[in-house]
Amino acid sequence: MKKITLTFTAILFVIASYAGDILTLNNEMIFEGKVTKIKDCTVVFKADGKKFIVPSSEIFSLQFENTADKVYTEYMKMADGDPNKCLNGRLDAENFHGKNGGHFALGILFGPFAMIGTALSNPTPDRGKQTYMMSKNKDQFSDPEYLSCYKKKAKGQLIGMEALGWGSWILLLLIL
């Protein structure tokens, strides 16, 4: 009887030691693997030897096996603040940053040079008069996560308008 109890205990211990982080999606699918990184509103998850990048909007819950893990401690630091900082930054940049018509005109006039200039710029919500006046997230203007997402979205949006302007100039040349 002692051998059976000892064997059963050893088997449970081995099974428990192979348990990993558990990711539950909004559609109630559950995956077991290892969370390797949490950044920019996404979770990098490894399971069955494959790497998956999951948007945080699709995640219902995360359970970490090891609470002393560096990824877990970073996750808890992010959870202490507003979990929607990145989303707030993107939405503020999309709704309030820049003059899209002006960047369209810059694309027509200067083409790729306008796009390079915008790529090298450093857009912040403090510099945008409309963002500063209209945003409800003024308390996050100094947060690094908010600023990173704001800059990416603002640059992408303005470079897109400049590329559209440059493309329309090229089409106009081809038509004439």
N, C-alpha and C. Protein backbone atom coordinates (compact mmCIF):
# COMPACT_ATOMS: atom_id res chain seq x y z
N MET A 1 0.82 -1.19 0.00
CA MET A 1 0.00 0.00 0.00
C MET A 1 0.87 1.26 0.00
N LYS A 2 1.98 1.20 0.74
CA LYS A 2 2.87 2.36 0.79
C LYS A 2 3.46 2.63 -0.58
N LYS A 3 3.78 1.59 -1.34
CA LYS A 3 4.37 1.78 -2.66
C LYS A 3 3.37 2.44 -3.61
N ILE A 4 2.12 2.05 -3.52
CA ILE A 4 1.09 2.64 -4.40
C ILE A 4 0.90 4.11 -4.04
N THR A 5 0.83 4.43 -2.76
CA THR A 5 0.67 5.82 -2.33
C THR A 5 1.88 6.65 -2.74
N LEU A 6 3.07 6.10 -2.56
CA LEU A 6 4.28 6.81 -2.95
C LEU A 6 4.34 7.02 -4.47
N THR A 7 3.98 6.01 -5.24
CA THR A 7 3.97 6.12 -6.70
C THR A 7 2.94 7.16 -7.15
N PHE A 8 1.76 7.11 -6.57
CA PHE A 8 0.70 8.06 -6.92
C PHE A 8 1.13 9.49 -6.59
N THR A 9 1.74 9.70 -5.45
CA THR A 9 2.24 11.02 -5.06
C THR A 9 3.32 11.50 -6.01
N ALA A 10 4.22 10.62 -6.39
CA ALA A 10 5.29 10.98 -7.33
C ALA A 10 4.72 11.36 -8.69
N ILE A 11 3.74 10.63 -9.16
CA ILE A 11 3.10 10.95 -10.45
C ILE A 11 2.42 12.31 -10.38
N LEU A 12 1.71 12.62 -9.31
CA LEU A 12 1.06 13.93 -9.16
C LEU A 12 2.09 15.05 -9.12
N PHE A 13 3.20 14.80 -8.44
CA PHE A 13 4.26 15.80 -8.36
C PHE A 13 4.86 16.07 -9.75
N VAL A 14 5.09 15.03 -10.52
CA VAL A 14 5.65 15.19 -11.87
C VAL A 14 4.67 15.94 -12.77
N ILE A 15 3.40 15.61 -12.71
CA ILE A 15 2.39 16.30 -13.52
C ILE A 15 2.30 17.77 -13.14
N ALA A 16 2.33 18.05 -11.85
CA ALA A 16 2.25 19.43 -11.38
C ALA A 16 3.49 20.22 -11.79
N SER A 17 4.64 19.57 -11.86
CA SER A 17 5.85 20.29 -12.24
C SER A 17 5.88 20.65 -13.71
N TYR A 18 5.13 19.97 -14.55
CA TYR A 18 5.07 20.28 -15.97
C TYR A 18 4.00 21.31 -16.31
N ALA A 19 3.23 21.72 -15.34
CA ALA A 19 2.20 22.72 -15.59
C ALA A 19 2.85 24.04 -15.95
N GLY A 20 2.21 24.79 -16.82
CA GLY A 20 2.78 26.07 -17.26
C GLY A 20 1.77 27.18 -17.06
N ASP A 21 2.03 28.27 -17.73
CA ASP A 21 1.11 29.39 -17.69
C ASP A 21 -0.14 29.01 -18.48
N ILE A 22 -1.28 29.51 -18.03
CA ILE A 22 -2.55 29.18 -18.69
C ILE A 22 -3.16 30.45 -19.24
N LEU A 23 -3.45 30.43 -20.54
CA LEU A 23 -4.04 31.56 -21.26
C LEU A 23 -5.46 31.19 -21.64
N THR A 24 -6.43 32.00 -21.21
CA THR A 24 -7.83 31.77 -21.56
C THR A 24 -8.29 32.91 -22.45
N LEU A 25 -8.82 32.57 -23.61
CA LEU A 25 -9.29 33.59 -24.56
C LEU A 25 -10.75 33.94 -24.29
N ASN A 26 -11.21 35.00 -24.91
CA ASN A 26 -12.60 35.43 -24.75
C ASN A 26 -13.59 34.39 -25.26
N ASN A 27 -13.18 33.59 -26.24
CA ASN A 27 -14.08 32.56 -26.78
C ASN A 27 -13.99 31.26 -25.97
N GLU A 28 -13.43 31.33 -24.77
CA GLU A 28 -13.33 30.25 -23.79
C GLU A 28 -12.35 29.14 -24.17
N MET A 29 -11.49 29.37 -25.16
CA MET A 29 -10.43 28.41 -25.47
C MET A 29 -9.31 28.59 -24.45
N ILE A 30 -8.74 27.48 -24.01
CA ILE A 30 -7.71 27.50 -22.98
C ILE A 30 -6.44 26.87 -23.55
N PHE A 31 -5.30 27.56 -23.32
CA PHE A 31 -4.01 27.07 -23.80
C PHE A 31 -3.03 27.04 -22.64
N GLU A 32 -2.17 26.04 -22.64
CA GLU A 32 -1.14 25.92 -21.63
C GLU A 32 0.21 26.02 -22.30
N GLY A 33 1.07 26.87 -21.77
CA GLY A 33 2.39 27.08 -22.34
C GLY A 33 3.18 28.03 -21.48
N LYS A 34 3.91 28.94 -22.12
CA LYS A 34 4.76 29.87 -21.39
C LYS A 34 4.57 31.27 -21.95
N VAL A 35 4.23 32.23 -21.10
CA VAL A 35 4.16 33.63 -21.49
C VAL A 35 5.59 34.16 -21.47
N THR A 36 6.07 34.64 -22.64
CA THR A 36 7.46 35.09 -22.71
C THR A 36 7.59 36.60 -22.68
N LYS A 37 6.52 37.32 -23.08
CA LYS A 37 6.62 38.78 -23.10
C LYS A 37 5.21 39.38 -23.12
N ILE A 38 5.07 40.53 -22.46
CA ILE A 38 3.82 41.30 -22.50
C ILE A 38 4.22 42.73 -22.83
N LYS A 39 3.79 43.21 -24.00
CA LYS A 39 4.17 44.55 -24.43
C LYS A 39 3.21 45.06 -25.49
N ASP A 40 2.96 46.36 -25.49
CA ASP A 40 2.15 47.03 -26.52
C ASP A 40 0.81 46.35 -26.74
N CYS A 41 0.13 46.05 -25.67
CA CYS A 41 -1.22 45.47 -25.73
C CYS A 41 -1.24 44.09 -26.38
N THR A 42 -0.13 43.36 -26.34
CA THR A 42 -0.07 42.00 -26.86
C THR A 42 0.67 41.11 -25.87
N VAL A 43 0.39 39.82 -25.97
CA VAL A 43 1.05 38.81 -25.15
C VAL A 43 1.72 37.81 -26.09
N VAL A 44 3.01 37.58 -25.89
CA VAL A 44 3.73 36.57 -26.66
C VAL A 44 3.68 35.29 -25.85
N PHE A 45 3.13 34.23 -26.46
CA PHE A 45 2.85 32.99 -25.76
C PHE A 45 3.45 31.83 -26.55
N LYS A 46 4.19 30.96 -25.89
CA LYS A 46 4.76 29.79 -26.54
C LYS A 46 4.03 28.55 -26.04
N ALA A 47 3.56 27.75 -26.99
CA ALA A 47 2.89 26.50 -26.66
C ALA A 47 3.19 25.49 -27.75
N ASP A 48 3.48 24.27 -27.37
CA ASP A 48 3.77 23.18 -28.32
C ASP A 48 4.89 23.55 -29.28
N GLY A 49 5.87 24.31 -28.82
CA GLY A 49 7.01 24.68 -29.66
C GLY A 49 6.72 25.80 -30.64
N LYS A 50 5.52 26.37 -30.61
CA LYS A 50 5.16 27.45 -31.53
C LYS A 50 4.98 28.75 -30.74
N LYS A 51 5.25 29.87 -31.41
CA LYS A 51 5.14 31.18 -30.78
C LYS A 51 3.88 31.87 -31.29
N PHE A 52 3.07 32.37 -30.39
CA PHE A 52 1.83 33.05 -30.74
C PHE A 52 1.85 34.47 -30.17
N ILE A 53 1.37 35.43 -30.95
CA ILE A 53 1.23 36.81 -30.49
C ILE A 53 -0.26 37.08 -30.39
N VAL A 54 -0.73 37.26 -29.17
CA VAL A 54 -2.17 37.38 -28.91
C VAL A 54 -2.48 38.80 -28.45
N PRO A 55 -3.41 39.51 -29.13
CA PRO A 55 -3.81 40.85 -28.66
C PRO A 55 -4.50 40.75 -27.30
N SER A 56 -4.23 41.70 -26.44
CA SER A 56 -4.80 41.65 -25.09
C SER A 56 -6.32 41.78 -25.10
N SER A 57 -6.87 42.35 -26.16
CA SER A 57 -8.33 42.46 -26.24
C SER A 57 -8.98 41.09 -26.40
N GLU A 58 -8.23 40.07 -26.84
CA GLU A 58 -8.76 38.73 -27.04
C GLU A 58 -8.57 37.83 -25.82
N ILE A 59 -7.88 38.34 -24.79
CA ILE A 59 -7.55 37.51 -23.63
C ILE A 59 -8.55 37.74 -22.51
N PHE A 60 -9.11 36.63 -22.02
CA PHE A 60 -10.03 36.71 -20.89
C PHE A 60 -9.26 36.67 -19.57
N SER A 61 -8.27 35.76 -19.48
CA SER A 61 -7.47 35.69 -18.26
C SER A 61 -6.11 35.06 -18.53
N LEU A 62 -5.18 35.36 -17.64
CA LEU A 62 -3.83 34.78 -17.65
C LEU A 62 -3.55 34.23 -16.27
N GLN A 63 -3.07 32.99 -16.19
CA GLN A 63 -2.65 32.41 -14.93
C GLN A 63 -1.18 32.04 -15.07
N PHE A 64 -0.37 32.56 -14.18
CA PHE A 64 1.06 32.30 -14.22
C PHE A 64 1.41 31.17 -13.26
N GLU A 65 2.28 30.27 -13.72
CA GLU A 65 2.73 29.17 -12.88
C GLU A 65 3.67 29.69 -11.80
N ASN A 66 4.63 30.53 -12.20
CA ASN A 66 5.67 30.99 -11.29
C ASN A 66 5.46 32.48 -11.01
N THR A 67 5.10 32.81 -9.79
CA THR A 67 4.86 34.22 -9.45
C THR A 67 6.15 35.00 -9.24
N ALA A 68 7.30 34.34 -9.26
CA ALA A 68 8.58 35.03 -9.15
C ALA A 68 9.17 35.31 -10.53
N ASP A 69 8.47 34.89 -11.58
CA ASP A 69 8.93 35.09 -12.95
C ASP A 69 8.96 36.58 -13.30
N LYS A 70 9.96 36.98 -14.08
CA LYS A 70 10.11 38.39 -14.46
C LYS A 70 8.91 38.89 -15.26
N VAL A 71 8.38 38.07 -16.15
CA VAL A 71 7.23 38.47 -16.97
C VAL A 71 6.01 38.72 -16.07
N TYR A 72 5.85 37.89 -15.07
CA TYR A 72 4.72 38.05 -14.14
C TYR A 72 4.84 39.36 -13.35
N THR A 73 6.03 39.65 -12.85
CA THR A 73 6.20 40.89 -12.08
C THR A 73 5.98 42.11 -12.96
N GLU A 74 6.42 42.07 -14.23
CA GLU A 74 6.16 43.18 -15.16
C GLU A 74 4.66 43.31 -15.41
N TYR A 75 3.99 42.18 -15.55
CA TYR A 75 2.54 42.16 -15.78
C TYR A 75 1.79 42.79 -14.60
N MET A 76 2.23 42.47 -13.40
CA MET A 76 1.57 43.03 -12.22
C MET A 76 1.81 44.53 -12.11
N LYS A 77 2.98 45.01 -12.52
CA LYS A 77 3.23 46.45 -12.52
C LYS A 77 2.29 47.15 -13.49
N MET A 78 2.07 46.54 -14.66
CA MET A 78 1.17 47.14 -15.64
C MET A 78 -0.27 47.10 -15.14
N ALA A 79 -0.64 46.02 -14.45
CA ALA A 79 -2.01 45.87 -13.98
C ALA A 79 -2.36 46.85 -12.87
N ASP A 80 -1.34 47.36 -12.16
CA ASP A 80 -1.60 48.32 -11.09
C ASP A 80 -2.16 49.63 -11.63
N GLY A 81 -1.75 50.02 -12.82
CA GLY A 81 -2.24 51.25 -13.43
C GLY A 81 -3.46 50.99 -14.29
N ASP A 82 -3.71 51.88 -15.22
CA ASP A 82 -4.82 51.73 -16.14
C ASP A 82 -4.44 50.72 -17.22
N PRO A 83 -5.17 49.61 -17.36
CA PRO A 83 -4.79 48.60 -18.35
C PRO A 83 -5.02 49.05 -19.79
N ASN A 84 -5.71 50.15 -19.98
CA ASN A 84 -6.02 50.61 -21.33
C ASN A 84 -5.14 51.77 -21.78
N LYS A 85 -3.96 51.93 -21.20
CA LYS A 85 -3.10 53.05 -21.56
C LYS A 85 -2.75 53.03 -23.04
N CYS A 86 -2.40 51.88 -23.55
CA CYS A 86 -2.01 51.77 -24.95
C CYS A 86 -3.20 52.08 -25.85
N LEU A 87 -4.35 51.54 -25.52
CA LEU A 87 -5.55 51.82 -26.31
C LEU A 87 -5.91 53.29 -26.25
N ASN A 88 -5.80 53.91 -25.08
CA ASN A 88 -6.08 55.34 -24.94
C ASN A 88 -5.14 56.16 -25.81
N GLY A 89 -3.85 55.80 -25.82
CA GLY A 89 -2.88 56.52 -26.64
C GLY A 89 -3.20 56.41 -28.12
N ARG A 90 -3.54 55.22 -28.58
CA ARG A 90 -3.90 55.03 -29.99
C ARG A 90 -5.14 55.83 -30.37
N LEU A 91 -6.15 55.77 -29.52
CA LEU A 91 -7.39 56.47 -29.84
C LEU A 91 -7.20 57.99 -29.83
N ASP A 92 -6.43 58.50 -28.88
CA ASP A 92 -6.17 59.94 -28.86
C ASP A 92 -5.41 60.38 -30.11
N ALA A 93 -4.43 59.60 -30.53
CA ALA A 93 -3.67 59.95 -31.73
C ALA A 93 -4.57 59.90 -32.96
N GLU A 94 -5.41 58.88 -33.02
CA GLU A 94 -6.29 58.72 -34.18
C GLU A 94 -7.33 59.83 -34.26
N ASN A 95 -7.88 60.19 -33.12
CA ASN A 95 -8.97 61.17 -33.12
C ASN A 95 -8.53 62.62 -33.12
N PHE A 96 -7.39 62.92 -32.52
CA PHE A 96 -7.05 64.32 -32.30
C PHE A 96 -5.72 64.79 -32.90
N HIS A 97 -4.80 63.88 -33.27
CA HIS A 97 -3.46 64.33 -33.66
C HIS A 97 -3.38 64.73 -35.13
N GLY A 98 -2.73 65.83 -35.37
CA GLY A 98 -2.32 66.23 -36.71
C GLY A 98 -3.42 66.76 -37.60
N LYS A 99 -2.94 67.36 -38.65
CA LYS A 99 -3.84 67.87 -39.69
C LYS A 99 -3.63 66.99 -40.91
N ASN A 100 -4.53 66.05 -41.11
CA ASN A 100 -4.37 65.08 -42.17
C ASN A 100 -4.33 65.71 -43.55
N GLY A 101 -5.13 66.73 -43.78
CA GLY A 101 -5.13 67.41 -45.07
C GLY A 101 -3.79 68.07 -45.35
N GLY A 102 -3.20 68.64 -44.33
CA GLY A 102 -1.89 69.27 -44.48
C GLY A 102 -0.82 68.24 -44.83
N HIS A 103 -0.88 67.07 -44.24
CA HIS A 103 0.10 66.03 -44.54
C HIS A 103 -0.16 65.42 -45.92
N PHE A 104 -1.38 65.40 -46.36
CA PHE A 104 -1.69 64.98 -47.73
C PHE A 104 -1.01 65.95 -48.71
N ALA A 105 -1.13 67.24 -48.43
CA ALA A 105 -0.50 68.26 -49.28
C ALA A 105 1.03 68.15 -49.22
N LEU A 106 1.58 67.87 -48.05
CA LEU A 106 3.03 67.66 -47.95
C LEU A 106 3.47 66.48 -48.80
N GLY A 107 2.66 65.43 -48.84
CA GLY A 107 2.96 64.27 -49.68
C GLY A 107 2.96 64.62 -51.15
N ILE A 108 2.03 65.47 -51.58
CA ILE A 108 1.99 65.90 -52.98
C ILE A 108 3.22 66.74 -53.30
N LEU A 109 3.57 67.66 -52.41
CA LEU A 109 4.67 68.59 -52.69
C LEU A 109 6.06 67.96 -52.53
N PHE A 110 6.26 67.16 -51.48
CA PHE A 110 7.61 66.69 -51.17
C PHE A 110 7.77 65.17 -51.24
N GLY A 111 6.69 64.44 -51.44
CA GLY A 111 6.76 62.98 -51.60
C GLY A 111 7.46 62.26 -50.48
N PRO A 112 8.48 61.46 -50.81
CA PRO A 112 9.13 60.63 -49.79
C PRO A 112 9.88 61.45 -48.74
N PHE A 113 10.27 62.67 -49.08
CA PHE A 113 10.96 63.50 -48.09
C PHE A 113 10.02 63.89 -46.94
N ALA A 114 8.75 64.09 -47.26
CA ALA A 114 7.77 64.39 -46.21
C ALA A 114 7.60 63.18 -45.29
N MET A 115 7.57 61.98 -45.89
CA MET A 115 7.41 60.77 -45.08
C MET A 115 8.63 60.54 -44.19
N ILE A 116 9.81 60.81 -44.71
CA ILE A 116 11.04 60.66 -43.90
C ILE A 116 11.02 61.66 -42.75
N GLY A 117 10.61 62.88 -43.03
CA GLY A 117 10.53 63.90 -41.98
C GLY A 117 9.56 63.51 -40.89
N THR A 118 8.42 62.96 -41.27
CA THR A 118 7.44 62.53 -40.27
C THR A 118 7.96 61.33 -39.48
N ALA A 119 8.64 60.42 -40.15
CA ALA A 119 9.19 59.24 -39.46
C ALA A 119 10.24 59.65 -38.42
N LEU A 120 10.96 60.73 -38.69
CA LEU A 120 11.98 61.20 -37.75
C LEU A 120 11.42 62.10 -36.66
N SER A 121 10.17 62.51 -36.81
CA SER A 121 9.57 63.42 -35.83
C SER A 121 9.24 62.69 -34.53
N ASN A 122 8.87 63.47 -33.53
CA ASN A 122 8.55 62.92 -32.22
C ASN A 122 7.20 63.50 -31.76
N PRO A 123 6.09 62.97 -32.28
CA PRO A 123 4.79 63.53 -31.91
C PRO A 123 4.43 63.20 -30.46
N THR A 124 3.95 64.20 -29.75
CA THR A 124 3.48 64.00 -28.38
C THR A 124 2.13 64.70 -28.22
N PRO A 125 1.32 64.25 -27.29
CA PRO A 125 0.03 64.89 -27.10
C PRO A 125 0.15 66.33 -26.57
N ASP A 126 1.26 66.64 -25.91
CA ASP A 126 1.45 68.00 -25.40
C ASP A 126 1.60 69.01 -26.53
N ARG A 127 2.21 68.59 -27.63
CA ARG A 127 2.44 69.51 -28.75
C ARG A 127 1.19 69.72 -29.59
N GLY A 128 0.30 68.76 -29.59
CA GLY A 128 -0.92 68.89 -30.38
C GLY A 128 -1.97 69.67 -29.61
N LYS A 129 -2.31 70.85 -30.12
CA LYS A 129 -3.27 71.70 -29.41
C LYS A 129 -4.62 71.01 -29.28
N GLN A 130 -5.07 70.36 -30.35
CA GLN A 130 -6.36 69.71 -30.32
C GLN A 130 -6.36 68.52 -29.34
N THR A 131 -5.29 67.75 -29.33
CA THR A 131 -5.20 66.61 -28.41
C THR A 131 -5.20 67.10 -26.97
N TYR A 132 -4.44 68.14 -26.71
CA TYR A 132 -4.35 68.65 -25.34
C TYR A 132 -5.70 69.17 -24.85
N MET A 133 -6.47 69.77 -25.75
CA MET A 133 -7.77 70.33 -25.36
C MET A 133 -8.85 69.26 -25.27
N MET A 134 -8.85 68.30 -26.19
CA MET A 134 -9.97 67.37 -26.31
C MET A 134 -9.82 66.05 -25.54
N SER A 135 -8.59 65.63 -25.29
CA SER A 135 -8.38 64.33 -24.67
C SER A 135 -8.85 64.29 -23.22
N LYS A 136 -9.40 63.14 -22.84
CA LYS A 136 -9.81 62.93 -21.45
C LYS A 136 -8.72 62.18 -20.68
N ASN A 137 -7.58 61.96 -21.34
CA ASN A 137 -6.50 61.18 -20.73
C ASN A 137 -5.28 62.02 -20.42
N LYS A 138 -5.47 63.25 -20.02
CA LYS A 138 -4.34 64.16 -19.75
C LYS A 138 -3.42 63.62 -18.65
N ASP A 139 -3.96 62.84 -17.73
CA ASP A 139 -3.14 62.29 -16.65
C ASP A 139 -2.16 61.23 -17.16
N GLN A 140 -2.35 60.72 -18.37
CA GLN A 140 -1.47 59.70 -18.92
C GLN A 140 -0.44 60.27 -19.90
N PHE A 141 -0.44 61.57 -20.12
CA PHE A 141 0.45 62.18 -21.12
C PHE A 141 1.93 61.95 -20.81
N SER A 142 2.29 61.65 -19.58
CA SER A 142 3.69 61.42 -19.24
C SER A 142 4.00 59.93 -19.09
N ASP A 143 3.02 59.06 -19.27
CA ASP A 143 3.21 57.63 -19.12
C ASP A 143 3.93 57.05 -20.35
N PRO A 144 5.01 56.31 -20.18
CA PRO A 144 5.77 55.79 -21.32
C PRO A 144 4.97 54.86 -22.24
N GLU A 145 4.11 54.01 -21.66
CA GLU A 145 3.32 53.09 -22.48
C GLU A 145 2.32 53.88 -23.34
N TYR A 146 1.65 54.84 -22.74
CA TYR A 146 0.70 55.68 -23.47
C TYR A 146 1.42 56.43 -24.59
N LEU A 147 2.56 57.04 -24.28
CA LEU A 147 3.30 57.83 -25.26
C LEU A 147 3.81 56.97 -26.42
N SER A 148 4.27 55.77 -26.12
CA SER A 148 4.76 54.88 -27.17
C SER A 148 3.65 54.53 -28.16
N CYS A 149 2.50 54.17 -27.65
CA CYS A 149 1.37 53.83 -28.52
C CYS A 149 0.86 55.07 -29.27
N TYR A 150 0.86 56.21 -28.60
CA TYR A 150 0.43 57.46 -29.23
C TYR A 150 1.34 57.80 -30.41
N LYS A 151 2.66 57.70 -30.19
CA LYS A 151 3.63 58.05 -31.23
C LYS A 151 3.50 57.12 -32.43
N LYS A 152 3.38 55.82 -32.18
CA LYS A 152 3.26 54.86 -33.28
C LYS A 152 2.03 55.14 -34.13
N LYS A 153 0.91 55.36 -33.48
CA LYS A 153 -0.33 55.60 -34.21
C LYS A 153 -0.28 56.93 -34.95
N ALA A 154 0.22 57.99 -34.31
CA ALA A 154 0.27 59.31 -34.94
C ALA A 154 1.19 59.28 -36.16
N LYS A 155 2.37 58.69 -36.01
CA LYS A 155 3.30 58.62 -37.14
C LYS A 155 2.71 57.80 -38.28
N GLY A 156 2.15 56.67 -37.95
CA GLY A 156 1.55 55.80 -38.98
C GLY A 156 0.44 56.49 -39.75
N GLN A 157 -0.40 57.19 -39.03
CA GLN A 157 -1.52 57.89 -39.65
C GLN A 157 -1.03 59.01 -40.57
N LEU A 158 -0.08 59.81 -40.11
CA LEU A 158 0.41 60.93 -40.91
C LEU A 158 1.25 60.46 -42.10
N ILE A 159 2.06 59.43 -41.92
CA ILE A 159 2.83 58.89 -43.03
C ILE A 159 1.89 58.30 -44.08
N GLY A 160 0.81 57.69 -43.63
CA GLY A 160 -0.19 57.16 -44.56
C GLY A 160 -0.82 58.27 -45.41
N MET A 161 -1.12 59.38 -44.79
CA MET A 161 -1.69 60.51 -45.54
C MET A 161 -0.67 61.08 -46.53
N GLU A 162 0.59 61.16 -46.13
CA GLU A 162 1.63 61.65 -47.03
C GLU A 162 1.85 60.68 -48.20
N ALA A 163 1.81 59.38 -47.92
CA ALA A 163 1.94 58.39 -48.98
C ALA A 163 0.77 58.47 -49.94
N LEU A 164 -0.41 58.71 -49.42
CA LEU A 164 -1.60 58.88 -50.26
C LEU A 164 -1.45 60.11 -51.15
N GLY A 165 -0.92 61.20 -50.61
CA GLY A 165 -0.68 62.41 -51.39
C GLY A 165 0.35 62.19 -52.48
N TRP A 166 1.44 61.50 -52.14
CA TRP A 166 2.49 61.21 -53.11
C TRP A 166 1.96 60.29 -54.21
N GLY A 167 1.18 59.28 -53.80
CA GLY A 167 0.59 58.36 -54.78
C GLY A 167 -0.37 59.07 -55.72
N SER A 168 -1.16 59.99 -55.19
CA SER A 168 -2.10 60.73 -56.06
C SER A 168 -1.34 61.64 -57.02
N TRP A 169 -0.20 62.20 -56.59
CA TRP A 169 0.63 63.02 -57.47
C TRP A 169 1.20 62.17 -58.61
N ILE A 170 1.66 60.97 -58.28
CA ILE A 170 2.19 60.07 -59.31
C ILE A 170 1.08 59.64 -60.28
N LEU A 171 -0.10 59.33 -59.78
CA LEU A 171 -1.23 58.98 -60.64
C LEU A 171 -1.60 60.15 -61.56
N LEU A 172 -1.58 61.35 -61.03
CA LEU A 172 -1.89 62.52 -61.84
C LEU A 172 -0.87 62.68 -62.97
N LEU A 173 0.40 62.45 -62.68
CA LEU A 173 1.44 62.50 -63.71
C LEU A 173 1.24 61.43 -64.78
N LEU A 174 0.87 60.24 -64.35
CA LEU A 174 0.65 59.14 -65.31
C LEU A 174 -0.56 59.39 -66.20
N ILE A 175 -1.59 60.02 -65.66
CA ILE A 175 -2.79 60.31 -66.43
C ILE A 175 -2.52 61.39 -67.46
N LEU A 176 -1.76 62.40 -67.08
CA LEU A 176 -1.47 63.50 -67.99
C LEU A 176 -0.39 63.08 -68.90
